[in-house]
């Protein structure tokens, strides 16, 4: 088994016994670099840069995460082969423009702890359901509406979408169904939280023709976009 980790600024490859004989020397990558919210962050895992934005008291990535190697939508992501991602329609160029799509377990790096780093860069983590609520309330949503499921409040979805004024710049990247097909690119955006609900997990949905934000739980085997928030 091979899986990549970034510990204390060092890039580490964990090898199973079957891999050691043929293991190549790890490729050195830069450390995570972050000079302040509103400035880009460089992910120490692969050197990619992401825009960031401050909304209320939180600092968010302003782009979808795009880390890992592409696998086909028909396959489930696994712990065995490093970080894996889906690219909409099985076209890798869609990951370059709109980020990868991840199953919940893969995004969480196979943890079930709320707010875990998961596959986010060092110093960042997968937002909890409550942190999504904090974001929404910073854009004017009431606490009562934030706590409700379904379509909520007024125009927070419009604010979060690309060009909406908040700087979050959500892209309508679609999703991967549990059986492996892709749907809703250009129509909807789906974002995971790190908060479980039984065998499902809480997520957010933005829609091209809807001004509000949808909150519900869905099967963890779905493939959604990922945004990271600063620790």
C-alpha atoms as a PDB file:
ATOM      1  CA  UNK A   1       0.000   0.000   0.000  1.00  0.00           C
ATOM      2  CA  UNK A   2       1.249   3.487  -0.871  1.00  0.00           C
ATOM      3  CA  UNK A   3      -0.270   6.664   0.477  1.00  0.00           C
ATOM      4  CA  UNK A   4       1.175  10.188   0.594  1.00  0.00           C
ATOM      5  CA  UNK A   5       1.300  12.352   3.691  1.00  0.00           C
ATOM      6  CA  UNK A   6       2.769  15.733   4.571  1.00  0.00           C
ATOM      7  CA  UNK A   7       4.095  15.727   8.138  1.00  0.00           C
ATOM      8  CA  UNK A   8       5.905  18.677   9.719  1.00  0.00           C
ATOM      9  CA  UNK A   9       6.709  20.073   6.297  1.00  0.00           C
ATOM     10  CA  UNK A  10       8.180  16.794   4.995  1.00  0.00           C
ATOM     11  CA  UNK A  11       6.736  14.865   2.093  1.00  0.00           C
ATOM     12  CA  UNK A  12       6.437  11.208   3.124  1.00  0.00           C
ATOM     13  CA  UNK A  13       5.509   8.133   1.114  1.00  0.00           C
ATOM     14  CA  UNK A  14       4.304   5.172   3.195  1.00  0.00           C
ATOM     15  CA  UNK A  15       5.172   1.832   1.603  1.00  0.00           C
ATOM     16  CA  UNK A  16       3.753  -1.614   2.217  1.00  0.00           C
ATOM     17  CA  UNK A  17       6.120  -4.576   2.225  1.00  0.00           C
ATOM     18  CA  UNK A  18       5.167  -5.530  -1.341  1.00  0.00           C
ATOM     19  CA  UNK A  19       6.281  -2.119  -2.610  1.00  0.00           C
ATOM     20  CA  UNK A  20       9.657  -1.722  -0.914  1.00  0.00           C
ATOM     21  CA  UNK A  21      11.766  -3.715  -3.371  1.00  0.00           C
ATOM     22  CA  UNK A  22      10.684  -1.614  -6.350  1.00  0.00           C
ATOM     23  CA  UNK A  23      10.098   1.709  -4.604  1.00  0.00           C
ATOM     24  CA  UNK A  24      11.396   4.791  -6.398  1.00  0.00           C
ATOM     25  CA  UNK A  25      12.967   7.665  -4.511  1.00  0.00           C
ATOM     26  CA  UNK A  26      10.217  10.157  -3.504  1.00  0.00           C
ATOM     27  CA  UNK A  27      10.016  13.269  -5.624  1.00  0.00           C
ATOM     28  CA  UNK A  28      10.729  16.388  -3.575  1.00  0.00           C
ATOM     29  CA  UNK A  29       7.906  18.916  -3.589  1.00  0.00           C
ATOM     30  CA  UNK A  30       7.759  22.394  -2.054  1.00  0.00           C
ATOM     31  CA  UNK A  31       6.398  22.953   1.437  1.00  0.00           C
ATOM     32  CA  UNK A  32       2.965  24.478   1.867  1.00  0.00           C
ATOM     33  CA  UNK A  33       3.244  28.263   1.553  1.00  0.00           C
ATOM     34  CA  UNK A  34       0.640  30.716   2.802  1.00  0.00           C
ATOM     35  CA  UNK A  35       1.346  34.432   3.276  1.00  0.00           C
ATOM     36  CA  UNK A  36      -2.076  35.637   4.392  1.00  0.00           C
ATOM     37  CA  UNK A  37      -5.746  35.417   3.534  1.00  0.00           C
ATOM     38  CA  UNK A  38      -6.522  36.960   0.160  1.00  0.00           C
ATOM     39  CA  UNK A  39      -3.170  35.745  -1.184  1.00  0.00           C
ATOM     40  CA  UNK A  40      -2.656  32.377  -2.914  1.00  0.00           C
ATOM     41  CA  UNK A  41      -1.670  29.239  -1.025  1.00  0.00           C
ATOM     42  CA  UNK A  42       0.754  26.676  -2.446  1.00  0.00           C
ATOM     43  CA  UNK A  43      -0.177  23.082  -1.569  1.00  0.00           C
ATOM     44  CA  UNK A  44       2.896  21.261  -0.281  1.00  0.00           C
ATOM     45  CA  UNK A  45       1.649  17.932  -1.646  1.00  0.00           C
ATOM     46  CA  UNK A  46       1.990  18.819  -5.315  1.00  0.00           C
ATOM     47  CA  UNK A  47       2.965  22.494  -5.598  1.00  0.00           C
ATOM     48  CA  UNK A  48      -0.388  23.696  -6.953  1.00  0.00           C
ATOM     49  CA  UNK A  49      -1.548  27.216  -6.084  1.00  0.00           C
ATOM     50  CA  UNK A  50      -5.061  28.169  -4.932  1.00  0.00           C
ATOM     51  CA  UNK A  51      -6.660  31.586  -4.452  1.00  0.00           C
ATOM     52  CA  UNK A  52      -8.022  32.382  -0.983  1.00  0.00           C
ATOM     53  CA  UNK A  53     -10.686  34.754   0.339  1.00  0.00           C
ATOM     54  CA  UNK A  54     -11.704  36.069   3.754  1.00  0.00           C
ATOM     55  CA  UNK A  55     -15.440  35.949   4.435  1.00  0.00           C
ATOM     56  CA  UNK A  56     -16.451  37.086   7.901  1.00  0.00           C
ATOM     57  CA  UNK A  57     -13.815  35.704  10.265  1.00  0.00           C
ATOM     58  CA  UNK A  58     -13.014  32.683   8.105  1.00  0.00           C
ATOM     59  CA  UNK A  59     -10.397  32.190   5.406  1.00  0.00           C
ATOM     60  CA  UNK A  60     -11.519  29.895   2.584  1.00  0.00           C
ATOM     61  CA  UNK A  61      -9.966  28.540  -0.577  1.00  0.00           C
ATOM     62  CA  UNK A  62     -11.539  30.407  -3.491  1.00  0.00           C
ATOM     63  CA  UNK A  63     -10.964  27.466  -5.851  1.00  0.00           C
ATOM     64  CA  UNK A  64     -11.939  23.800  -5.763  1.00  0.00           C
ATOM     65  CA  UNK A  65      -9.295  21.384  -4.542  1.00  0.00           C
ATOM     66  CA  UNK A  66      -7.525  19.464  -7.315  1.00  0.00           C
ATOM     67  CA  UNK A  67      -5.095  17.018  -5.755  1.00  0.00           C
ATOM     68  CA  UNK A  68      -4.390  13.395  -6.613  1.00  0.00           C
ATOM     69  CA  UNK A  69      -4.413  11.077  -9.604  1.00  0.00           C
ATOM     70  CA  UNK A  70      -7.487  10.691 -11.792  1.00  0.00           C
ATOM     71  CA  UNK A  71      -9.370   7.402 -11.766  1.00  0.00           C
ATOM     72  CA  UNK A  72     -12.432   6.462 -13.798  1.00  0.00           C
ATOM     73  CA  UNK A  73     -15.874   7.290 -12.454  1.00  0.00           C
ATOM     74  CA  UNK A  74     -16.831   3.605 -12.540  1.00  0.00           C
ATOM     75  CA  UNK A  75     -14.262   2.849  -9.818  1.00  0.00           C
ATOM     76  CA  UNK A  76     -14.443   3.623  -6.118  1.00  0.00           C
ATOM     77  CA  UNK A  77     -11.624   5.613  -4.558  1.00  0.00           C
ATOM     78  CA  UNK A  78      -9.493   3.582  -2.156  1.00  0.00           C
ATOM     79  CA  UNK A  79      -6.854   4.090   0.504  1.00  0.00           C
ATOM     80  CA  UNK A  80      -4.390   1.821  -1.310  1.00  0.00           C
ATOM     81  CA  UNK A  81      -3.096   3.993  -4.151  1.00  0.00           C
ATOM     82  CA  UNK A  82      -2.452   7.505  -2.872  1.00  0.00           C
ATOM     83  CA  UNK A  83      -4.926  10.349  -3.251  1.00  0.00           C
ATOM     84  CA  UNK A  84      -7.425   9.714  -6.043  1.00  0.00           C
ATOM     85  CA  UNK A  85      -9.897  12.035  -7.752  1.00  0.00           C
ATOM     86  CA  UNK A  86     -12.635  11.947 -10.354  1.00  0.00           C
ATOM     87  CA  UNK A  87     -12.669  14.380 -13.258  1.00  0.00           C
ATOM     88  CA  UNK A  88     -16.100  15.137 -14.672  1.00  0.00           C
ATOM     89  CA  UNK A  89     -16.869  12.897 -17.653  1.00  0.00           C
ATOM     90  CA  UNK A  90     -13.495  11.166 -17.153  1.00  0.00           C
ATOM     91  CA  UNK A  91     -11.753  14.113 -18.845  1.00  0.00           C
ATOM     92  CA  UNK A  92      -8.764  15.341 -16.858  1.00  0.00           C
ATOM     93  CA  UNK A  93      -8.986  18.846 -18.317  1.00  0.00           C
ATOM     94  CA  UNK A  94     -12.176  19.297 -16.284  1.00  0.00           C
ATOM     95  CA  UNK A  95     -10.160  18.818 -13.102  1.00  0.00           C
ATOM     96  CA  UNK A  96      -7.715  21.499 -14.223  1.00  0.00           C
ATOM     97  CA  UNK A  97     -10.528  24.009 -14.746  1.00  0.00           C
ATOM     98  CA  UNK A  98     -13.012  23.000 -12.026  1.00  0.00           C
ATOM     99  CA  UNK A  99     -11.167  20.818  -9.517  1.00  0.00           C
ATOM    100  CA  UNK A 100     -11.512  17.153  -8.676  1.00  0.00           C
ATOM    101  CA  UNK A 101     -14.542  15.291  -7.347  1.00  0.00           C
ATOM    102  CA  UNK A 102     -14.027  13.176  -4.214  1.00  0.00           C
ATOM    103  CA  UNK A 103     -15.861  10.538  -2.250  1.00  0.00           C
ATOM    104  CA  UNK A 104     -16.288  11.479   1.419  1.00  0.00           C
ATOM    105  CA  UNK A 105     -13.878   8.871   2.799  1.00  0.00           C
ATOM    106  CA  UNK A 106     -11.155   9.850   0.337  1.00  0.00           C
ATOM    107  CA  UNK A 107     -11.556  13.547   1.135  1.00  0.00           C
ATOM    108  CA  UNK A 108     -11.330  12.759   4.859  1.00  0.00           C
ATOM    109  CA  UNK A 109      -8.188  10.627   4.339  1.00  0.00           C
ATOM    110  CA  UNK A 110     -10.196   7.809   5.903  1.00  0.00           C
ATOM    111  CA  UNK A 111     -10.823   9.593   9.181  1.00  0.00           C
ATOM    112  CA  UNK A 112     -14.268  10.257  10.663  1.00  0.00           C
ATOM    113  CA  UNK A 113     -13.181  13.238  12.799  1.00  0.00           C
ATOM    114  CA  UNK A 114     -15.015  16.497  12.128  1.00  0.00           C
ATOM    115  CA  UNK A 115     -12.687  19.238  10.917  1.00  0.00           C
ATOM    116  CA  UNK A 116      -9.861  16.848  10.036  1.00  0.00           C
ATOM    117  CA  UNK A 117      -7.140  17.993   7.621  1.00  0.00           C
ATOM    118  CA  UNK A 118      -8.040  15.198   5.219  1.00  0.00           C
ATOM    119  CA  UNK A 119      -6.563  15.881   1.791  1.00  0.00           C
ATOM    120  CA  UNK A 120      -6.347  19.636   2.427  1.00  0.00           C
ATOM    121  CA  UNK A 121      -2.952  21.371   2.651  1.00  0.00           C
ATOM    122  CA  UNK A 122      -1.145  21.607   5.974  1.00  0.00           C
ATOM    123  CA  UNK A 123      -2.753  24.307   8.136  1.00  0.00           C
ATOM    124  CA  UNK A 124      -6.140  23.848   6.430  1.00  0.00           C
ATOM    125  CA  UNK A 125      -8.994  21.408   6.974  1.00  0.00           C
ATOM    126  CA  UNK A 126     -12.273  20.069   5.619  1.00  0.00           C
ATOM    127  CA  UNK A 127     -15.051  22.397   6.837  1.00  0.00           C
ATOM    128  CA  UNK A 128     -17.621  21.092   9.290  1.00  0.00           C
ATOM    129  CA  UNK A 129     -21.341  21.556   8.793  1.00  0.00           C
ATOM    130  CA  UNK A 130     -21.208  24.309  11.437  1.00  0.00           C
ATOM    131  CA  UNK A 131     -18.380  26.077   9.586  1.00  0.00           C
ATOM    132  CA  UNK A 132     -20.522  26.100   6.442  1.00  0.00           C
ATOM    133  CA  UNK A 133     -23.285  27.670   8.539  1.00  0.00           C
ATOM    134  CA  UNK A 134     -20.832  30.311   9.785  1.00  0.00           C
ATOM    135  CA  UNK A 135     -19.979  31.142   6.166  1.00  0.00           C
ATOM    136  CA  UNK A 136     -23.648  31.400   5.226  1.00  0.00           C
ATOM    137  CA  UNK A 137     -24.467  33.600   8.218  1.00  0.00           C
ATOM    138  CA  UNK A 138     -21.555  35.909   7.343  1.00  0.00           C
ATOM    139  CA  UNK A 139     -23.439  36.470   4.069  1.00  0.00           C
ATOM    140  CA  UNK A 140     -26.686  37.324   5.857  1.00  0.00           C
ATOM    141  CA  UNK A 141     -28.389  33.998   6.567  1.00  0.00           C
ATOM    142  CA  UNK A 142     -30.167  33.747   9.906  1.00  0.00           C
ATOM    143  CA  UNK A 143     -29.203  31.097  12.472  1.00  0.00           C
ATOM    144  CA  UNK A 144     -32.674  29.566  12.262  1.00  0.00           C
ATOM    145  CA  UNK A 145     -32.451  29.175   8.510  1.00  0.00           C
ATOM    146  CA  UNK A 146     -28.838  27.985   8.671  1.00  0.00           C
ATOM    147  CA  UNK A 147     -29.921  25.121  10.934  1.00  0.00           C
ATOM    148  CA  UNK A 148     -32.695  24.021   8.580  1.00  0.00           C
ATOM    149  CA  UNK A 149     -32.363  21.422   5.809  1.00  0.00           C
ATOM    150  CA  UNK A 150     -33.384  22.070   2.212  1.00  0.00           C
ATOM    151  CA  UNK A 151     -33.281  25.400   0.350  1.00  0.00           C
ATOM    152  CA  UNK A 152     -32.712  28.154   2.919  1.00  0.00           C
ATOM    153  CA  UNK A 153     -32.925  31.937   3.333  1.00  0.00           C
ATOM    154  CA  UNK A 154     -32.569  34.347   0.394  1.00  0.00           C
ATOM    155  CA  UNK A 155     -29.558  34.989  -1.858  1.00  0.00           C
ATOM    156  CA  UNK A 156     -26.536  33.383  -0.197  1.00  0.00           C
ATOM    157  CA  UNK A 157     -26.218  30.906  -3.058  1.00  0.00           C
ATOM    158  CA  UNK A 158     -25.948  33.743  -5.565  1.00  0.00           C
ATOM    159  CA  UNK A 159     -23.288  35.388  -3.405  1.00  0.00           C
ATOM    160  CA  UNK A 160     -21.244  32.172  -3.268  1.00  0.00           C
ATOM    161  CA  UNK A 161     -21.363  31.404  -6.988  1.00  0.00           C
ATOM    162  CA  UNK A 162     -18.713  32.646  -9.394  1.00  0.00           C
ATOM    163  CA  UNK A 163     -19.128  36.389  -9.896  1.00  0.00           C
ATOM    164  CA  UNK A 164     -21.510  36.629  -6.954  1.00  0.00           C
ATOM    165  CA  UNK A 165     -19.568  39.199  -4.981  1.00  0.00           C
ATOM    166  CA  UNK A 166     -18.428  37.180  -1.944  1.00  0.00           C
ATOM    167  CA  UNK A 167     -15.174  36.083  -3.573  1.00  0.00           C
ATOM    168  CA  UNK A 168     -15.939  32.399  -2.915  1.00  0.00           C
ATOM    169  CA  UNK A 169     -16.267  31.829  -6.687  1.00  0.00           C
ATOM    170  CA  UNK A 170     -18.144  28.507  -6.568  1.00  0.00           C
ATOM    171  CA  UNK A 171     -18.077  26.705  -9.908  1.00  0.00           C
ATOM    172  CA  UNK A 172     -20.987  24.553 -11.079  1.00  0.00           C
ATOM    173  CA  UNK A 173     -18.779  21.500 -11.446  1.00  0.00           C
ATOM    174  CA  UNK A 174     -21.494  18.845 -11.138  1.00  0.00           C
ATOM    175  CA  UNK A 175     -21.162  15.561  -9.269  1.00  0.00           C
ATOM    176  CA  UNK A 176     -20.392  11.874  -9.577  1.00  0.00           C
ATOM    177  CA  UNK A 177     -23.244   9.491  -8.751  1.00  0.00           C
ATOM    178  CA  UNK A 178     -22.556   6.493  -6.520  1.00  0.00           C
ATOM    179  CA  UNK A 179     -22.757   4.112  -9.493  1.00  0.00           C
ATOM    180  CA  UNK A 180     -20.140   6.060 -11.418  1.00  0.00           C
ATOM    181  CA  UNK A 181     -21.942   8.382 -13.833  1.00  0.00           C
ATOM    182  CA  UNK A 182     -21.564  12.163 -13.899  1.00  0.00           C
ATOM    183  CA  UNK A 183     -24.353  14.751 -13.899  1.00  0.00           C
ATOM    184  CA  UNK A 184     -25.183  18.456 -13.461  1.00  0.00           C
ATOM    185  CA  UNK A 185     -21.990  20.126 -14.738  1.00  0.00           C
ATOM    186  CA  UNK A 186     -22.914  23.727 -15.521  1.00  0.00           C
ATOM    187  CA  UNK A 187     -26.108  23.378 -13.470  1.00  0.00           C
ATOM    188  CA  UNK A 188     -25.074  22.618  -9.870  1.00  0.00           C
ATOM    189  CA  UNK A 189     -22.186  22.643  -7.418  1.00  0.00           C
ATOM    190  CA  UNK A 190     -21.921  20.128  -4.584  1.00  0.00           C
ATOM    191  CA  UNK A 191     -19.570  20.562  -1.617  1.00  0.00           C
ATOM    192  CA  UNK A 192     -18.864  18.120   1.202  1.00  0.00           C
ATOM    193  CA  UNK A 193     -18.634  18.931   4.885  1.00  0.00           C
ATOM    194  CA  UNK A 194     -16.675  16.764   7.325  1.00  0.00           C
ATOM    195  CA  UNK A 195     -19.797  16.130   9.433  1.00  0.00           C
ATOM    196  CA  UNK A 196     -21.362  12.679   9.305  1.00  0.00           C
ATOM    197  CA  UNK A 197     -25.019  11.792   9.629  1.00  0.00           C
ATOM    198  CA  UNK A 198     -25.294   8.035   9.973  1.00  0.00           C
ATOM    199  CA  UNK A 199     -24.012   6.437   6.778  1.00  0.00           C
ATOM    200  CA  UNK A 200     -24.274   9.787   4.957  1.00  0.00           C
ATOM    201  CA  UNK A 201     -22.641  13.205   5.390  1.00  0.00           C
ATOM    202  CA  UNK A 202     -23.834  16.819   5.273  1.00  0.00           C
ATOM    203  CA  UNK A 203     -23.223  18.767   2.085  1.00  0.00           C
ATOM    204  CA  UNK A 204     -24.127  22.016   0.317  1.00  0.00           C
ATOM    205  CA  UNK A 205     -25.652  22.390  -3.127  1.00  0.00           C
ATOM    206  CA  UNK A 206     -25.746  25.518  -5.292  1.00  0.00           C
ATOM    207  CA  UNK A 207     -27.868  25.670  -8.439  1.00  0.00           C
ATOM    208  CA  UNK A 208     -27.669  27.842 -11.547  1.00  0.00           C
ATOM    209  CA  UNK A 209     -31.325  28.934 -11.302  1.00  0.00           C
ATOM    210  CA  UNK A 210     -31.614  29.094  -7.492  1.00  0.00           C
ATOM    211  CA  UNK A 211     -30.461  31.995  -5.287  1.00  0.00           C
ATOM    212  CA  UNK A 212     -30.494  30.021  -2.032  1.00  0.00           C
ATOM    213  CA  UNK A 213     -28.195  27.312  -0.594  1.00  0.00           C
ATOM    214  CA  UNK A 214     -29.356  23.716  -0.220  1.00  0.00           C
ATOM    215  CA  UNK A 215     -28.341  21.738   2.885  1.00  0.00           C
ATOM    216  CA  UNK A 216     -28.888  17.995   3.249  1.00  0.00           C
ATOM    217  CA  UNK A 217     -27.150  14.648   3.685  1.00  0.00           C
ATOM    218  CA  UNK A 218     -26.143  12.301   0.889  1.00  0.00           C
ATOM    219  CA  UNK A 219     -24.380   8.978   0.439  1.00  0.00           C
ATOM    220  CA  UNK A 220     -20.646   9.220   1.136  1.00  0.00           C
ATOM    221  CA  UNK A 221     -19.896   7.322  -2.075  1.00  0.00           C
ATOM    222  CA  UNK A 222     -20.993  10.345  -4.135  1.00  0.00           C
ATOM    223  CA  UNK A 223     -18.241  12.428  -5.722  1.00  0.00           C
ATOM    224  CA  UNK A 224     -18.366  16.121  -4.784  1.00  0.00           C
ATOM    225  CA  UNK A 225     -16.129  19.180  -4.955  1.00  0.00           C
ATOM    226  CA  UNK A 226     -14.009  20.094  -1.934  1.00  0.00           C
ATOM    227  CA  UNK A 227     -13.193  23.478  -0.438  1.00  0.00           C
ATOM    228  CA  UNK A 228     -10.736  23.806   2.442  1.00  0.00           C
ATOM    229  CA  UNK A 229     -10.880  26.366   5.268  1.00  0.00           C
ATOM    230  CA  UNK A 230      -7.952  27.726   7.286  1.00  0.00           C
ATOM    231  CA  UNK A 231      -7.298  26.288  10.755  1.00  0.00           C
END
